C-alpha atoms as a PDB file:
ATOM      1  CA  UNK A   1      -6.648   7.506  -9.555  1.00  0.00           C
ATOM      2  CA  UNK A   2      -6.793   6.266  -5.996  1.00  0.00           C
ATOM      3  CA  UNK A   3      -7.038   8.629  -3.056  1.00  0.00           C
ATOM      4  CA  UNK A   4      -3.777   9.093  -1.221  1.00  0.00           C
ATOM      5  CA  UNK A   5      -3.722   8.663   2.511  1.00  0.00           C
ATOM      6  CA  UNK A   6      -0.876  10.053   4.540  1.00  0.00           C
ATOM      7  CA  UNK A   7      -0.292   8.639   7.988  1.00  0.00           C
ATOM      8  CA  UNK A   8       1.690  10.762  10.413  1.00  0.00           C
ATOM      9  CA  UNK A   9       2.546   9.539  13.861  1.00  0.00           C
ATOM     10  CA  UNK A  10       2.883  12.248  16.467  1.00  0.00           C
ATOM     11  CA  UNK A  11       4.674  12.114  19.798  1.00  0.00           C
ATOM     12  CA  UNK A  12       8.016  10.861  18.535  1.00  0.00           C
ATOM     13  CA  UNK A  13      10.007  14.004  19.291  1.00  0.00           C
ATOM     14  CA  UNK A  14      12.551  12.008  21.317  1.00  0.00           C
ATOM     15  CA  UNK A  15      12.889   9.518  18.476  1.00  0.00           C
ATOM     16  CA  UNK A  16      13.519  12.342  16.024  1.00  0.00           C
ATOM     17  CA  UNK A  17      16.301  13.648  18.248  1.00  0.00           C
ATOM     18  CA  UNK A  18      17.847  10.175  18.492  1.00  0.00           C
ATOM     19  CA  UNK A  19      17.715   9.707  14.717  1.00  0.00           C
ATOM     20  CA  UNK A  20      19.224  13.156  14.145  1.00  0.00           C
ATOM     21  CA  UNK A  21      22.193  12.136  16.274  1.00  0.00           C
ATOM     22  CA  UNK A  22      22.912   9.260  13.864  1.00  0.00           C
ATOM     23  CA  UNK A  23      24.584   9.716  10.481  1.00  0.00           C
ATOM     24  CA  UNK A  24      21.860  10.689   8.004  1.00  0.00           C
ATOM     25  CA  UNK A  25      22.255   7.541   5.862  1.00  0.00           C
ATOM     26  CA  UNK A  26      21.868   5.311   8.917  1.00  0.00           C
ATOM     27  CA  UNK A  27      18.860   7.257  10.196  1.00  0.00           C
ATOM     28  CA  UNK A  28      17.193   7.034   6.784  1.00  0.00           C
ATOM     29  CA  UNK A  29      17.873   3.306   6.567  1.00  0.00           C
ATOM     30  CA  UNK A  30      16.415   2.657  10.035  1.00  0.00           C
ATOM     31  CA  UNK A  31      13.379   4.817   9.288  1.00  0.00           C
ATOM     32  CA  UNK A  32      12.903   3.261   5.856  1.00  0.00           C
ATOM     33  CA  UNK A  33      12.901  -0.254   7.269  1.00  0.00           C
ATOM     34  CA  UNK A  34      10.418   0.661   9.969  1.00  0.00           C
ATOM     35  CA  UNK A  35       7.984   2.412   7.619  1.00  0.00           C
ATOM     36  CA  UNK A  36       8.267  -0.504   5.180  1.00  0.00           C
ATOM     37  CA  UNK A  37       7.309  -2.865   8.025  1.00  0.00           C
ATOM     38  CA  UNK A  38       4.140  -0.818   8.601  1.00  0.00           C
ATOM     39  CA  UNK A  39       3.355  -0.804   4.874  1.00  0.00           C
ATOM     40  CA  UNK A  40       3.809  -4.577   4.808  1.00  0.00           C
ATOM     41  CA  UNK A  41       1.052  -4.967   7.404  1.00  0.00           C
ATOM     42  CA  UNK A  42      -1.332  -2.991   5.164  1.00  0.00           C
ATOM     43  CA  UNK A  43      -0.282  -4.846   1.991  1.00  0.00           C
ATOM     44  CA  UNK A  44      -0.674  -8.294   3.534  1.00  0.00           C
ATOM     45  CA  UNK A  45      -4.101  -7.523   4.990  1.00  0.00           C
ATOM     46  CA  UNK A  46      -5.279  -5.947   1.730  1.00  0.00           C
ATOM     47  CA  UNK A  47      -4.191  -9.072  -0.154  1.00  0.00           C
ATOM     48  CA  UNK A  48      -6.148 -11.223   2.287  1.00  0.00           C
ATOM     49  CA  UNK A  49      -9.259  -9.035   1.847  1.00  0.00           C
ATOM     50  CA  UNK A  50      -9.112  -8.627  -1.936  1.00  0.00           C
ATOM     51  CA  UNK A  51     -11.843 -10.430  -3.821  1.00  0.00           C
ATOM     52  CA  UNK A  52     -10.789 -13.272  -6.065  1.00  0.00           C
ATOM     53  CA  UNK A  53     -12.022 -12.531  -9.553  1.00  0.00           C
ATOM     54  CA  UNK A  54     -12.216 -15.627 -11.751  1.00  0.00           C
ATOM     55  CA  UNK A  55     -10.091 -17.349  -9.087  1.00  0.00           C
ATOM     56  CA  UNK A  56      -6.904 -16.058 -10.712  1.00  0.00           C
ATOM     57  CA  UNK A  57      -5.586 -14.095  -7.752  1.00  0.00           C
ATOM     58  CA  UNK A  58      -4.422 -11.278 -10.062  1.00  0.00           C
ATOM     59  CA  UNK A  59      -5.904  -8.593  -7.831  1.00  0.00           C
ATOM     60  CA  UNK A  60      -4.106  -9.935  -4.762  1.00  0.00           C
ATOM     61  CA  UNK A  61      -0.812 -10.245  -6.654  1.00  0.00           C
ATOM     62  CA  UNK A  62      -1.149  -6.682  -7.942  1.00  0.00           C
ATOM     63  CA  UNK A  63      -1.175  -5.189  -4.424  1.00  0.00           C
ATOM     64  CA  UNK A  64       2.322  -3.823  -3.937  1.00  0.00           C
ATOM     65  CA  UNK A  65       4.458  -1.421  -1.967  1.00  0.00           C
ATOM     66  CA  UNK A  66       6.310   1.340  -3.762  1.00  0.00           C
ATOM     67  CA  UNK A  67       8.820   3.756  -2.338  1.00  0.00           C
ATOM     68  CA  UNK A  68       8.014   7.393  -2.990  1.00  0.00           C
ATOM     69  CA  UNK A  69      10.432  10.274  -2.937  1.00  0.00           C
ATOM     70  CA  UNK A  70      10.711  12.284   0.211  1.00  0.00           C
ATOM     71  CA  UNK A  71      11.893  15.851   0.560  1.00  0.00           C
ATOM     72  CA  UNK A  72      15.613  16.200   0.247  1.00  0.00           C
ATOM     73  CA  UNK A  73      17.470  16.890   3.465  1.00  0.00           C
ATOM     74  CA  UNK A  74      14.723  15.552   5.716  1.00  0.00           C
ATOM     75  CA  UNK A  75      14.644  12.331   7.641  1.00  0.00           C
ATOM     76  CA  UNK A  76      11.370  10.943   6.388  1.00  0.00           C
ATOM     77  CA  UNK A  77      10.302   7.975   4.327  1.00  0.00           C
ATOM     78  CA  UNK A  78       7.176   7.463   2.235  1.00  0.00           C
ATOM     79  CA  UNK A  79       5.811   4.164   0.934  1.00  0.00           C
ATOM     80  CA  UNK A  80       2.653   3.696  -1.137  1.00  0.00           C
ATOM     81  CA  UNK A  81       0.509   0.579  -0.877  1.00  0.00           C
ATOM     82  CA  UNK A  82      -1.492   0.262  -4.086  1.00  0.00           C
ATOM     83  CA  UNK A  83      -3.255  -2.206  -6.355  1.00  0.00           C
ATOM     84  CA  UNK A  84      -1.860  -2.193  -9.891  1.00  0.00           C
ATOM     85  CA  UNK A  85      -4.680  -4.171 -11.517  1.00  0.00           C
ATOM     86  CA  UNK A  86      -6.576  -1.872 -13.891  1.00  0.00           C
ATOM     87  CA  UNK A  87      -9.912  -2.823 -12.300  1.00  0.00           C
ATOM     88  CA  UNK A  88      -8.811  -2.483  -8.658  1.00  0.00           C
ATOM     89  CA  UNK A  89     -10.532   0.877  -8.131  1.00  0.00           C
ATOM     90  CA  UNK A  90     -13.806  -0.602  -9.402  1.00  0.00           C
ATOM     91  CA  UNK A  91     -13.585  -3.477  -6.924  1.00  0.00           C
ATOM     92  CA  UNK A  92     -12.642  -1.087  -4.090  1.00  0.00           C
ATOM     93  CA  UNK A  93     -15.326   1.552  -4.711  1.00  0.00           C
ATOM     94  CA  UNK A  94     -17.846  -0.143  -6.978  1.00  0.00           C
ATOM     95  CA  UNK A  95     -19.422   1.218 -10.153  1.00  0.00           C
ATOM     96  CA  UNK A  96     -22.687   2.843 -11.137  1.00  0.00           C
ATOM     97  CA  UNK A  97     -25.010   1.224 -13.649  1.00  0.00           C
ATOM     98  CA  UNK A  98     -23.598   1.923 -17.113  1.00  0.00           C
ATOM     99  CA  UNK A  99     -23.623   0.866 -20.738  1.00  0.00           C
ATOM    100  CA  UNK A 100     -20.680  -1.018 -22.224  1.00  0.00           C
ATOM    101  CA  UNK A 101     -20.224  -0.703 -25.977  1.00  0.00           C
ATOM    102  CA  UNK A 102     -17.754  -2.329 -28.290  1.00  0.00           C
ATOM    103  CA  UNK A 103     -14.552  -0.504 -29.112  1.00  0.00           C
ATOM    104  CA  UNK A 104     -12.235  -1.692 -31.889  1.00  0.00           C
ATOM    105  CA  UNK A 105     -14.090  -4.985 -32.118  1.00  0.00           C
ATOM    106  CA  UNK A 106     -17.028  -6.366 -34.058  1.00  0.00           C
ATOM    107  CA  UNK A 107     -18.837  -7.470 -30.902  1.00  0.00           C
ATOM    108  CA  UNK A 108     -18.592  -8.060 -27.157  1.00  0.00           C
ATOM    109  CA  UNK A 109     -18.511 -11.666 -26.024  1.00  0.00           C
ATOM    110  CA  UNK A 110     -20.580 -12.245 -22.881  1.00  0.00           C
ATOM    111  CA  UNK A 111     -20.524 -15.945 -22.051  1.00  0.00           C
ATOM    112  CA  UNK A 112     -21.485 -17.629 -25.335  1.00  0.00           C
ATOM    113  CA  UNK A 113     -23.348 -14.605 -26.681  1.00  0.00           C
ATOM    114  CA  UNK A 114     -22.009 -11.818 -28.901  1.00  0.00           C
ATOM    115  CA  UNK A 115     -23.455  -8.326 -28.502  1.00  0.00           C
ATOM    116  CA  UNK A 116     -22.795  -4.807 -29.748  1.00  0.00           C
ATOM    117  CA  UNK A 117     -23.578  -3.261 -26.361  1.00  0.00           C
ATOM    118  CA  UNK A 118     -24.732  -4.363 -22.947  1.00  0.00           C
ATOM    119  CA  UNK A 119     -26.194  -2.626 -19.887  1.00  0.00           C
ATOM    120  CA  UNK A 120     -24.118  -3.306 -16.783  1.00  0.00           C
ATOM    121  CA  UNK A 121     -26.192  -3.196 -13.570  1.00  0.00           C
ATOM    122  CA  UNK A 122     -23.362  -1.737 -11.486  1.00  0.00           C
ATOM    123  CA  UNK A 123     -21.480  -3.153  -8.537  1.00  0.00           C
ATOM    124  CA  UNK A 124     -21.531  -2.056  -4.909  1.00  0.00           C
ATOM    125  CA  UNK A 125     -17.805  -2.680  -4.372  1.00  0.00           C
ATOM    126  CA  UNK A 126     -15.788  -4.739  -1.929  1.00  0.00           C
ATOM    127  CA  UNK A 127     -13.270  -2.452  -0.236  1.00  0.00           C
ATOM    128  CA  UNK A 128      -9.930  -4.053   0.572  1.00  0.00           C
ATOM    129  CA  UNK A 129      -7.319  -1.254   0.733  1.00  0.00           C
ATOM    130  CA  UNK A 130      -9.114   1.219   2.997  1.00  0.00           C
ATOM    131  CA  UNK A 131     -10.151  -1.373   5.617  1.00  0.00           C
ATOM    132  CA  UNK A 132      -6.613  -2.799   5.568  1.00  0.00           C
ATOM    133  CA  UNK A 133      -5.354   0.612   6.663  1.00  0.00           C
ATOM    134  CA  UNK A 134      -8.199   1.641   8.963  1.00  0.00           C
ATOM    135  CA  UNK A 135      -8.451  -1.621  10.909  1.00  0.00           C
ATOM    136  CA  UNK A 136      -4.723  -2.194  11.432  1.00  0.00           C
ATOM    137  CA  UNK A 137      -3.463   1.065  12.901  1.00  0.00           C
ATOM    138  CA  UNK A 138      -2.282  -0.628  16.104  1.00  0.00           C
ATOM    139  CA  UNK A 139      -0.485  -3.413  14.190  1.00  0.00           C
ATOM    140  CA  UNK A 140       1.114  -0.845  11.855  1.00  0.00           C
ATOM    141  CA  UNK A 141       2.437   1.230  14.747  1.00  0.00           C
ATOM    142  CA  UNK A 142       3.651  -1.913  16.537  1.00  0.00           C
ATOM    143  CA  UNK A 143       5.506  -3.180  13.450  1.00  0.00           C
ATOM    144  CA  UNK A 144       7.117   0.215  12.934  1.00  0.00           C
ATOM    145  CA  UNK A 145       8.072   0.517  16.596  1.00  0.00           C
ATOM    146  CA  UNK A 146       9.642  -2.957  16.630  1.00  0.00           C
ATOM    147  CA  UNK A 147      11.718  -2.217  13.505  1.00  0.00           C
ATOM    148  CA  UNK A 148      12.787   1.167  14.857  1.00  0.00           C
ATOM    149  CA  UNK A 149      13.840  -0.386  18.142  1.00  0.00           C
ATOM    150  CA  UNK A 150      15.752  -3.193  16.425  1.00  0.00           C
ATOM    151  CA  UNK A 151      17.478  -0.775  14.033  1.00  0.00           C
ATOM    152  CA  UNK A 152      18.529   1.621  16.771  1.00  0.00           C
ATOM    153  CA  UNK A 153      19.790  -1.225  18.976  1.00  0.00           C
ATOM    154  CA  UNK A 154      21.708  -2.718  16.058  1.00  0.00           C
ATOM    155  CA  UNK A 155      23.356   0.608  15.252  1.00  0.00           C
ATOM    156  CA  UNK A 156      24.279   1.243  18.870  1.00  0.00           C
ATOM    157  CA  UNK A 157      25.734  -2.259  19.232  1.00  0.00           C
ATOM    158  CA  UNK A 158      27.784  -2.515  16.063  1.00  0.00           C
ATOM    159  CA  UNK A 159      28.846  -1.628  12.529  1.00  0.00           C
ATOM    160  CA  UNK A 160      26.262  -3.656  10.565  1.00  0.00           C
ATOM    161  CA  UNK A 161      24.182  -0.664   9.467  1.00  0.00           C
ATOM    162  CA  UNK A 162      27.129   1.344   8.197  1.00  0.00           C
ATOM    163  CA  UNK A 163      28.502   2.759  11.419  1.00  0.00           C
ATOM    164  CA  UNK A 164      32.206   3.450  11.149  1.00  0.00           C
END
């Protein structure tokens, strides 16, 4: 299972007070949209960095954003950026040298050859998720700030976000 990384941005005490003055559903919606914008930056960069295996693009397509539950009664939003492809962790971190043996089959097909077992030399890995997060912190914060600003301005100006 992949390591979880939690990003907390400090220094937004004034923002928290502003959001608490809004109805809770509106505050959650504004916050959700802003955090999703930050997650989108990570997802898009990870897709650009992900290695193409057999030129199918399955690894890139498997990189997604998923909403996670937050604590009830709090104004917080959590999104996970992850790669759903079963081999994603091996591409991200690499593998040690190991032996591959057949399971539920008569033989392994490697190219045109059939074998009962094969020694894999290992793979050093090509990280794509971690660098997408580490190298985009400024862009993530900027995307979140822009969405927060737009959401707050939209709420203050009119009823589009559920203000009655």
